[in-house]
Amino acid sequence: QVQLVESGGGLVQTGGSLRLSCAASGSIFNINAMGWYRQAPGKERELVAAISAGATTYYADSVKGRFTISRDNAKNTLYLQMNSLKPEDTAMYYCAALINPSWGQGTQVTVSS
């Protein structure tokens, strides 16, 4: 199976920005839809953004207008640019395929008020 490694999380203040990266072990972005998920303590895992092999994008209402998903096929890397961060964005963020996802270690995003 494809191995994915998330990075780029950290601690930021409300209104700040972060860019998350997801490095893949294989050339998956041309054949698979990929997404960024997040999970906060006590809450269900939530799909926040996705991008298809044809570059169609999806955003959850809670992040639309603030987050941007993109991919670099040459670098085999998925990105999530997060702007105007809010405390409610605090969660562990994971990248995974939309079909048959597997979960890695994730990267922690913490937004202080």
C-alpha atoms as a PDB file:
ATOM      1  CA  GLN A   1       0.000   0.000   0.000  1.00  0.00           C
ATOM      2  CA  VAL A   2       0.978   3.625  -0.507  1.00  0.00           C
ATOM      3  CA  GLN A   3       2.811   5.216   2.408  1.00  0.00           C
ATOM      4  CA  LEU A   4       1.917   8.787   3.344  1.00  0.00           C
ATOM      5  CA  VAL A   5       3.766  11.088   5.718  1.00  0.00           C
ATOM      6  CA  GLU A   6       2.171  14.298   6.962  1.00  0.00           C
ATOM      7  CA  SER A   7       4.128  17.320   8.127  1.00  0.00           C
ATOM      8  CA  GLY A   8       3.796  21.052   8.654  1.00  0.00           C
ATOM      9  CA  GLY A   9       1.576  21.232  11.702  1.00  0.00           C
ATOM     10  CA  GLY A  10       2.310  23.386  14.678  1.00  0.00           C
ATOM     11  CA  LEU A  11       1.064  25.964  17.138  1.00  0.00           C
ATOM     12  CA  VAL A  12      -0.321  29.212  15.751  1.00  0.00           C
ATOM     13  CA  GLN A  13      -2.484  32.046  16.978  1.00  0.00           C
ATOM     14  CA  THR A  14      -5.982  32.751  15.742  1.00  0.00           C
ATOM     15  CA  GLY A  15      -5.774  34.271  12.275  1.00  0.00           C
ATOM     16  CA  GLY A  16      -2.476  32.630  11.463  1.00  0.00           C
ATOM     17  CA  SER A  17      -1.566  30.309   8.624  1.00  0.00           C
ATOM     18  CA  LEU A  18       0.010  26.914   8.142  1.00  0.00           C
ATOM     19  CA  ARG A  19       0.792  24.770   5.135  1.00  0.00           C
ATOM     20  CA  LEU A  20       0.518  21.038   5.603  1.00  0.00           C
ATOM     21  CA  SER A  21       2.368  18.633   3.339  1.00  0.00           C
ATOM     22  CA  CYS A  22       1.748  14.979   2.596  1.00  0.00           C
ATOM     23  CA  ALA A  23       4.579  13.091   0.940  1.00  0.00           C
ATOM     24  CA  ALA A  24       3.590   9.896  -0.859  1.00  0.00           C
ATOM     25  CA  SER A  25       5.800   6.906  -1.576  1.00  0.00           C
ATOM     26  CA  GLY A  26       4.316   6.343  -5.027  1.00  0.00           C
ATOM     27  CA  SER A  27       2.719   8.170  -7.931  1.00  0.00           C
ATOM     28  CA  ILE A  28      -0.812   8.109  -6.573  1.00  0.00           C
ATOM     29  CA  PHE A  29      -2.214  11.526  -7.397  1.00  0.00           C
ATOM     30  CA  ASN A  30      -2.800  10.781 -11.056  1.00  0.00           C
ATOM     31  CA  ILE A  31      -5.015   7.798 -10.297  1.00  0.00           C
ATOM     32  CA  ASN A  32      -6.490   8.373  -6.846  1.00  0.00           C
ATOM     33  CA  ALA A  33      -8.606  11.003  -5.179  1.00  0.00           C
ATOM     34  CA  MET A  34      -6.876  12.223  -2.027  1.00  0.00           C
ATOM     35  CA  GLY A  35      -8.098  14.180   0.930  1.00  0.00           C
ATOM     36  CA  TRP A  36      -7.173  15.894   4.139  1.00  0.00           C
ATOM     37  CA  TYR A  37      -9.049  14.757   7.222  1.00  0.00           C
ATOM     38  CA  ARG A  38      -8.976  16.012  10.779  1.00  0.00           C
ATOM     39  CA  GLN A  39     -10.012  14.651  14.121  1.00  0.00           C
ATOM     40  CA  ALA A  40     -10.349  16.584  17.348  1.00  0.00           C
ATOM     41  CA  PRO A  41     -10.691  14.906  20.754  1.00  0.00           C
ATOM     42  CA  GLY A  42     -14.213  13.628  21.279  1.00  0.00           C
ATOM     43  CA  LYS A  43     -15.219  14.233  17.674  1.00  0.00           C
ATOM     44  CA  GLU A  44     -15.561  12.101  14.574  1.00  0.00           C
ATOM     45  CA  ARG A  45     -12.945  12.209  11.864  1.00  0.00           C
ATOM     46  CA  GLU A  46     -13.961  14.830   9.326  1.00  0.00           C
ATOM     47  CA  LEU A  47     -13.051  15.223   5.665  1.00  0.00           C
ATOM     48  CA  VAL A  48     -12.062  18.860   5.273  1.00  0.00           C
ATOM     49  CA  ALA A  49     -10.757  18.953   1.691  1.00  0.00           C
ATOM     50  CA  ALA A  50     -10.258  16.592  -1.232  1.00  0.00           C
ATOM     51  CA  ILE A  51      -8.830  16.630  -4.725  1.00  0.00           C
ATOM     52  CA  SER A  52      -9.554  14.141  -7.494  1.00  0.00           C
ATOM     53  CA  ALA A  53      -7.282  12.736 -10.157  1.00  0.00           C
ATOM     54  CA  GLY A  54      -8.902  15.253 -12.486  1.00  0.00           C
ATOM     55  CA  ALA A  55      -8.126  18.081 -10.023  1.00  0.00           C
ATOM     56  CA  THR A  56     -11.723  18.611  -8.939  1.00  0.00           C
ATOM     57  CA  THR A  57     -11.728  19.934  -5.372  1.00  0.00           C
ATOM     58  CA  TYR A  58     -14.061  19.675  -2.407  1.00  0.00           C
ATOM     59  CA  TYR A  59     -14.135  21.638   0.834  1.00  0.00           C
ATOM     60  CA  ALA A  60     -16.160  21.214   3.960  1.00  0.00           C
ATOM     61  CA  ASP A  61     -18.345  24.203   4.711  1.00  0.00           C
ATOM     62  CA  SER A  62     -16.371  24.879   7.874  1.00  0.00           C
ATOM     63  CA  VAL A  63     -13.151  25.532   5.945  1.00  0.00           C
ATOM     64  CA  LYS A  64     -14.365  26.772   2.578  1.00  0.00           C
ATOM     65  CA  GLY A  65     -12.756  30.072   1.700  1.00  0.00           C
ATOM     66  CA  ARG A  66      -9.951  29.578   4.211  1.00  0.00           C
ATOM     67  CA  PHE A  67      -8.265  26.314   3.172  1.00  0.00           C
ATOM     68  CA  THR A  68      -6.872  25.346  -0.219  1.00  0.00           C
ATOM     69  CA  ILE A  69      -5.934  21.823  -1.256  1.00  0.00           C
ATOM     70  CA  SER A  70      -3.400  21.306  -4.018  1.00  0.00           C
ATOM     71  CA  ARG A  71      -0.994  18.725  -5.327  1.00  0.00           C
ATOM     72  CA  ASP A  72       2.357  18.630  -7.043  1.00  0.00           C
ATOM     73  CA  ASN A  73       2.452  15.491  -9.161  1.00  0.00           C
ATOM     74  CA  ALA A  74       6.144  15.875  -9.960  1.00  0.00           C
ATOM     75  CA  LYS A  75       6.971  15.921  -6.251  1.00  0.00           C
ATOM     76  CA  ASN A  76       4.227  13.409  -5.420  1.00  0.00           C
ATOM     77  CA  THR A  77       3.090  15.673  -2.614  1.00  0.00           C
ATOM     78  CA  LEU A  78      -0.306  16.847  -1.413  1.00  0.00           C
ATOM     79  CA  TYR A  79      -0.685  20.211   0.326  1.00  0.00           C
ATOM     80  CA  LEU A  80      -3.224  21.954   2.482  1.00  0.00           C
ATOM     81  CA  GLN A  81      -2.815  25.701   2.807  1.00  0.00           C
ATOM     82  CA  MET A  82      -4.695  26.867   5.886  1.00  0.00           C
ATOM     83  CA  ASN A  83      -5.347  30.574   6.371  1.00  0.00           C
ATOM     84  CA  SER A  84      -7.364  32.555   8.897  1.00  0.00           C
ATOM     85  CA  LEU A  85      -7.068  29.729  11.378  1.00  0.00           C
ATOM     86  CA  LYS A  86      -9.553  29.465  14.223  1.00  0.00           C
ATOM     87  CA  PRO A  87      -9.391  27.592  17.534  1.00  0.00           C
ATOM     88  CA  GLU A  88     -11.993  25.161  16.198  1.00  0.00           C
ATOM     89  CA  ASP A  89      -9.471  24.094  13.548  1.00  0.00           C
ATOM     90  CA  THR A  90      -7.399  22.504  16.300  1.00  0.00           C
ATOM     91  CA  ALA A  91      -7.105  18.796  15.478  1.00  0.00           C
ATOM     92  CA  MET A  92      -4.850  16.058  14.255  1.00  0.00           C
ATOM     93  CA  TYR A  93      -4.711  16.294  10.471  1.00  0.00           C
ATOM     94  CA  TYR A  94      -4.292  13.275   8.213  1.00  0.00           C
ATOM     95  CA  CYS A  95      -3.953  12.775   4.486  1.00  0.00           C
ATOM     96  CA  ALA A  96      -5.457   9.665   2.958  1.00  0.00           C
ATOM     97  CA  ALA A  97      -7.075   8.244  -0.134  1.00  0.00           C
ATOM     98  CA  LEU A  98     -10.817   8.721  -0.348  1.00  0.00           C
ATOM     99  CA  ILE A  99     -11.226   5.074  -1.341  1.00  0.00           C
ATOM    100  CA  ASN A 100      -9.924   2.530   1.168  1.00  0.00           C
ATOM    101  CA  PRO A 101      -8.062   5.082   3.310  1.00  0.00           C
ATOM    102  CA  SER A 102      -5.320   4.127   5.701  1.00  0.00           C
ATOM    103  CA  TRP A 103      -4.267   6.358   8.551  1.00  0.00           C
ATOM    104  CA  GLY A 104      -0.732   7.416   9.334  1.00  0.00           C
ATOM    105  CA  GLN A 105       0.623   9.413  12.232  1.00  0.00           C
ATOM    106  CA  GLY A 106      -0.921  12.711  11.181  1.00  0.00           C
ATOM    107  CA  THR A 107       0.310  16.174  12.049  1.00  0.00           C
ATOM    108  CA  GLN A 108      -1.025  18.216  14.955  1.00  0.00           C
ATOM    109  CA  VAL A 109      -2.483  21.665  14.375  1.00  0.00           C
ATOM    110  CA  THR A 110      -3.179  23.767  17.444  1.00  0.00           C
ATOM    111  CA  VAL A 111      -4.710  27.232  17.183  1.00  0.00           C
ATOM    112  CA  SER A 112      -4.638  29.375  20.299  1.00  0.00           C
ATOM    113  CA  SER A 113      -7.107  32.155  21.002  1.00  0.00           C
END
